[in-house]
Structure formats: structure tokens, C-alpha cells
Amino acid sequence: MSERAAPFYCPYCGDEDLRPSEAGASRGAGAAWECRSCSRAFRLSFLGLLAPGTTGPSPSPDGGTS
């Protein structure tokens, strides 16, 4: 994954007015971004690839209320 990958929208408010953060990041820590709409800062990083056939925990059929 490229260190230059950019998000298309803010994960908090969904707006597209994003700017790279001025805060310095160490290699492998992920890129920092700022949303000008909701004034939040967030960091994106690539965790890795899943093994073939691996999925996350599936939700219970009753919505998890049991």
C-alpha cells in the first residue's frame, strides 16, 4: 500500500473537505488528515492482508440483543 493513499471522505462526518495534517508522522504510523468541516483529525494506516477465506465475526441473527 502506498504511503500516499488518500481518503475520499471524513470517517466522522462524511464531508470531502480533507487536508493532509501538518503533524509529522513516523514511517509506518499512517498518514494524518484533518477535516475542515467537523474540525477533527484522524490517522489512516494499512494493517495488512487477510488470509484467504478469513472473515470477521458474523453478527448474530437477532441483532446481538440476546
Protein backbone atom coordinates (compact mmCIF):
# COMPACT_ATOMS: atom_id res chain seq x y z
CA MET A 1 0.00 0.00 0.00
CA SER A 2 1.27 3.42 -0.85
CA GLU A 3 2.03 5.95 1.89
CA ARG A 4 0.32 8.46 -0.40
CA ALA A 5 -3.11 6.84 -0.37
CA ALA A 6 -5.72 9.47 0.42
CA PRO A 7 -9.19 9.13 1.94
CA PHE A 8 -12.14 10.35 -0.11
CA TYR A 9 -14.29 11.46 2.83
CA CYS A 10 -14.13 12.06 6.58
CA PRO A 11 -14.95 8.89 8.59
CA TYR A 12 -16.79 11.04 11.18
CA CYS A 13 -18.98 13.47 9.21
CA GLY A 14 -18.68 12.22 5.62
CA ASP A 15 -17.54 15.56 4.21
CA GLU A 16 -14.91 15.67 1.46
CA ASP A 17 -13.01 18.80 2.63
CA LEU A 18 -9.87 16.98 3.82
CA ARG A 19 -6.32 18.25 4.07
CA PRO A 20 -3.10 16.42 5.00
CA SER A 21 -2.19 17.19 8.60
CA GLU A 22 0.92 19.23 9.33
CA ALA A 23 1.77 16.91 12.23
CA GLY A 24 4.82 14.83 11.45
CA ALA A 25 4.37 11.07 11.32
CA SER A 26 6.92 8.36 11.75
CA ARG A 27 7.32 5.80 8.99
CA GLY A 28 4.59 3.17 9.16
CA ALA A 29 2.42 5.15 11.59
CA GLY A 30 -0.05 6.11 8.87
CA ALA A 31 -0.99 9.41 7.31
CA ALA A 32 -2.68 12.10 9.40
CA TRP A 33 -5.59 14.03 7.90
CA GLU A 34 -7.72 16.97 9.02
CA CYS A 35 -11.38 17.52 8.18
CA ARG A 36 -12.12 21.20 7.74
CA SER A 37 -15.85 20.59 8.06
CA CYS A 38 -16.02 18.96 11.52
CA SER A 39 -12.55 20.05 12.77
CA ARG A 40 -11.43 16.51 13.53
CA ALA A 41 -8.04 14.97 12.86
CA PHE A 42 -7.58 11.28 12.16
CA ARG A 43 -4.85 8.89 11.08
CA LEU A 44 -5.08 6.15 8.47
CA SER A 45 -2.83 3.13 8.36
CA PHE A 46 -2.74 -0.15 6.49
CA LEU A 47 -2.96 -3.13 8.87
CA GLY A 48 -2.29 -5.97 6.44
CA LEU A 49 -3.95 -8.56 4.27
CA LEU A 50 -6.41 -11.18 5.49
CA ALA A 51 -5.75 -14.84 4.83
CA PRO A 52 -7.95 -16.33 2.06
CA GLY A 53 -11.29 -17.44 3.48
CA THR A 54 -10.88 -15.40 6.67
CA THR A 55 -13.79 -13.23 7.71
CA GLY A 56 -14.54 -11.17 10.76
CA PRO A 57 -17.05 -12.24 13.40
CA SER A 58 -20.52 -12.51 11.93
CA PRO A 59 -23.38 -10.70 13.65
CA SER A 60 -25.97 -12.81 15.42
CA PRO A 61 -29.30 -13.20 13.57
CA ASP A 62 -31.22 -11.38 16.32
CA GLY A 63 -29.02 -8.27 16.08
CA GLY A 64 -26.93 -9.10 19.15
CA THR A 65 -29.65 -8.39 21.70
CA SER A 66 -29.62 -11.81 23.37
